């Protein structure tokens, strides 16, 4: 595809990575121009009431640099992943974006297999749970590097999130207050609670999970890197089984 095709528009915007604003009144998303006139990435906001999208900030001169998602640090500040086309791009890592002023700031630089870092949640003590998609991609062949970590922005240190058998967590859900994670390393690894402050673990009884899935012998994994386990304020878990089937599980015990 190119801009010289007969009848093709001069520019075709490709919009990805939408996230609702904290008040639910608008959606923030990333836009890349897919033709020669603009291959960079910009951030936009559009009201749910309608109207034109408003440009918030420029976010790199490469396409799809904001492909790997964002979370809210507060009502006006996004924590967003920057992933360039090269793993040695100095802009790779985690950035803040002020959606009112458009100011951007790199707060953590990723490199090597950790050059793309997707923010998943903020912990109760202000650290960040990150996913490294490139580490996840090679997860089946290695347990040395964990795909999920807790990042301390003050020191830049990352701590891997592991289960009670010292296996890397592959699927994760975060409690609404950011204090506890629930995770699994795979089909036969069970589910574990992980205290995100101390990283201490405790196993989760699997009966409530299996009871929600009629044919639980076919369970491959309850989620994926782009399908985290949803954990609601009233202690309901919503994992996605076998990448296709969401189920609702009510926690009847204290995390």
Foldseek 3Di string as FASTA:
>chain_A
DECPDPPDDNWDKDWAAWDAQPVNFKIKIKIATPYDVAGFIWIWIAGPVDDDIHTQETDGRHHPQQRQYWDDPDRQKIWTAGDDPDQPPQQGDIWIAGSVNRDIDHQAAAHDQQSTWHWDDAALVGWTKTFRVSCLVCLVPDQPDARIWTADSVVRDTHFQAEPVRGGFFAWEAAPNRQWIWTANWDPGAIWIAGPVVRDIDGDDCVQVVVQPVPSVPFTHFAGPVFHWYADNQGWTWTHTPHHRTTIGHDPDDD
